[in-house]
Amino acid sequence: MTDILLMILSTIGALAILIASIGVLRMPDFYLRLSVTVKASTLGVGLLLICAAIIFPDVSVTTKAIAIIFFLVLTAPIAAHMIGRVAYHTGVLRWKDTYVDKEVDEPSPDGDKDAPKT
């Protein structure tokens, strides 16, 4: 039963990483590539670490795997948000079909958010 669970988890993890790598090639702009990479690779690596914790029942391996999963889930979205924010403020171009909500304040060219809109 454990072998079947390991096969399922490792297959789903490997497929998630494959989807992340295909997404890097297929997505049209930086922001979509960043989103696909962070979400799918975090899921894939997390599932493979769970498999490692199941295969090696030693407490130290399980503890390290759980700690890595915890910090990966904690830091990956924050890092992606910061990278995306820097890309937005430095003017990285978006895909032509990206929906932009005009209600949200766009930053002014000089970076001053409090500047009056023209």
Protein backbone atom coordinates (compact mmCIF):
# COMPACT_ATOMS: atom_id res chain seq x y z
CA MET A 1 0.00 0.00 0.00
CA THR A 2 2.85 2.36 0.80
CA ASP A 3 4.42 1.67 -2.58
CA ILE A 4 1.23 2.67 -4.38
CA LEU A 5 0.99 5.88 -2.35
CA LEU A 6 4.62 6.70 -3.14
CA MET A 7 4.07 6.04 -6.84
CA ILE A 8 1.03 8.30 -6.93
CA LEU A 9 2.66 11.15 -4.97
CA SER A 10 5.92 11.03 -6.91
CA THR A 11 4.09 10.90 -10.25
CA ILE A 12 1.93 13.90 -9.35
CA GLY A 13 5.03 15.75 -8.09
CA ALA A 14 6.98 15.01 -11.25
CA LEU A 15 4.03 16.05 -13.42
CA ALA A 16 3.71 19.33 -11.50
CA ILE A 17 7.38 20.08 -12.11
CA LEU A 18 6.93 19.14 -15.78
CA ILE A 19 3.97 21.52 -16.03
CA ALA A 20 6.10 24.26 -14.45
CA SER A 21 8.87 23.74 -16.98
CA ILE A 22 6.43 23.67 -19.91
CA GLY A 23 4.78 26.79 -18.52
CA VAL A 24 8.09 28.66 -18.63
CA LEU A 25 8.27 27.94 -22.35
CA ARG A 26 4.61 28.48 -23.22
CA MET A 27 3.51 31.51 -21.21
CA PRO A 28 3.61 34.79 -23.12
CA ASP A 29 5.01 37.19 -20.52
CA PHE A 30 7.15 37.40 -17.42
CA TYR A 31 4.30 37.64 -14.93
CA LEU A 32 2.54 34.49 -16.14
CA ARG A 33 5.83 32.58 -16.24
CA LEU A 34 6.53 33.63 -12.67
CA SER A 35 3.09 32.54 -11.50
CA VAL A 36 3.25 29.12 -13.16
CA THR A 37 6.77 28.46 -11.98
CA VAL A 38 6.14 29.28 -8.33
CA LYS A 39 2.84 27.46 -7.96
CA ALA A 40 3.61 24.28 -9.85
CA SER A 41 7.20 23.85 -8.71
CA THR A 42 6.26 24.41 -5.05
CA LEU A 43 3.60 21.71 -5.32
CA GLY A 44 5.96 19.33 -7.14
CA VAL A 45 8.88 19.74 -4.76
CA GLY A 46 6.56 19.48 -1.76
CA LEU A 47 5.12 16.20 -2.98
CA LEU A 48 8.57 14.77 -3.71
CA LEU A 49 9.73 15.76 -0.23
CA ILE A 50 6.71 14.00 1.26
CA CYS A 51 7.77 10.91 -0.69
CA ALA A 52 11.28 11.19 0.72
CA ALA A 53 9.88 11.46 4.24
CA ILE A 54 7.82 8.31 3.68
CA ILE A 55 10.67 6.33 2.11
CA PHE A 56 13.14 7.19 4.89
CA PRO A 57 11.23 6.74 8.16
CA ASP A 58 14.08 8.21 10.21
CA VAL A 59 12.94 11.11 12.41
CA SER A 60 15.73 13.40 11.21
CA VAL A 61 14.83 12.95 7.53
CA THR A 62 11.13 13.48 8.20
CA THR A 63 11.81 16.57 10.28
CA LYS A 64 14.06 18.06 7.62
CA ALA A 65 11.54 17.32 4.87
CA ILE A 66 8.72 18.94 6.83
CA ALA A 67 10.91 21.97 7.61
CA ILE A 68 11.86 22.37 3.95
CA ILE A 69 8.21 22.12 2.87
CA PHE A 70 7.20 24.67 5.52
CA PHE A 71 9.83 27.21 4.51
CA LEU A 72 9.21 26.62 0.80
CA VAL A 73 5.49 27.25 1.17
CA LEU A 74 6.22 30.26 3.38
CA THR A 75 8.89 31.94 1.26
CA ALA A 76 8.09 31.08 -2.38
CA PRO A 77 4.93 33.23 -2.68
CA ILE A 78 6.57 36.14 -0.89
CA ALA A 79 9.62 35.99 -3.14
CA ALA A 80 7.42 35.74 -6.25
CA HIS A 81 5.39 38.73 -5.10
CA MET A 82 8.51 40.79 -4.53
CA ILE A 83 9.99 39.80 -7.91
CA GLY A 84 6.71 40.62 -9.66
CA ARG A 85 6.43 43.94 -7.87
CA VAL A 86 9.95 44.94 -8.89
CA ALA A 87 9.21 43.89 -12.47
CA TYR A 88 6.03 45.98 -12.45
CA HIS A 89 7.76 49.07 -11.08
CA THR A 90 10.67 48.79 -13.50
CA GLY A 91 8.30 48.60 -16.44
CA VAL A 92 8.50 45.00 -17.63
CA LEU A 93 5.99 44.74 -20.47
CA ARG A 94 2.79 42.77 -20.05
CA TRP A 95 1.13 40.48 -22.57
CA LYS A 96 -1.16 42.36 -24.97
CA ASP A 97 -4.28 40.51 -23.74
CA THR A 98 -3.63 41.14 -20.04
CA TYR A 99 -6.65 42.70 -18.33
CA VAL A 100 -5.71 45.84 -16.43
CA ASP A 101 -8.17 47.24 -13.90
CA LYS A 102 -8.29 50.99 -14.54
CA GLU A 103 -9.77 51.60 -11.09
CA VAL A 104 -6.46 50.72 -9.45
CA ASP A 105 -3.98 53.58 -9.29
CA GLU A 106 -1.18 53.21 -11.78
CA PRO A 107 2.21 54.41 -10.52
CA SER A 108 3.41 57.64 -12.03
CA PRO A 109 6.54 57.54 -14.22
CA ASP A 110 8.68 59.09 -11.49
CA GLY A 111 7.49 56.54 -8.92
CA ASP A 112 5.47 59.00 -6.81
CA LYS A 113 2.13 57.36 -6.02
CA ASP A 114 0.73 60.54 -4.46
CA ALA A 115 1.19 62.58 -7.62
CA PRO A 116 -2.04 63.87 -9.14
CA LYS A 117 -3.34 62.03 -12.17
CA THR A 118 -3.43 63.91 -15.47
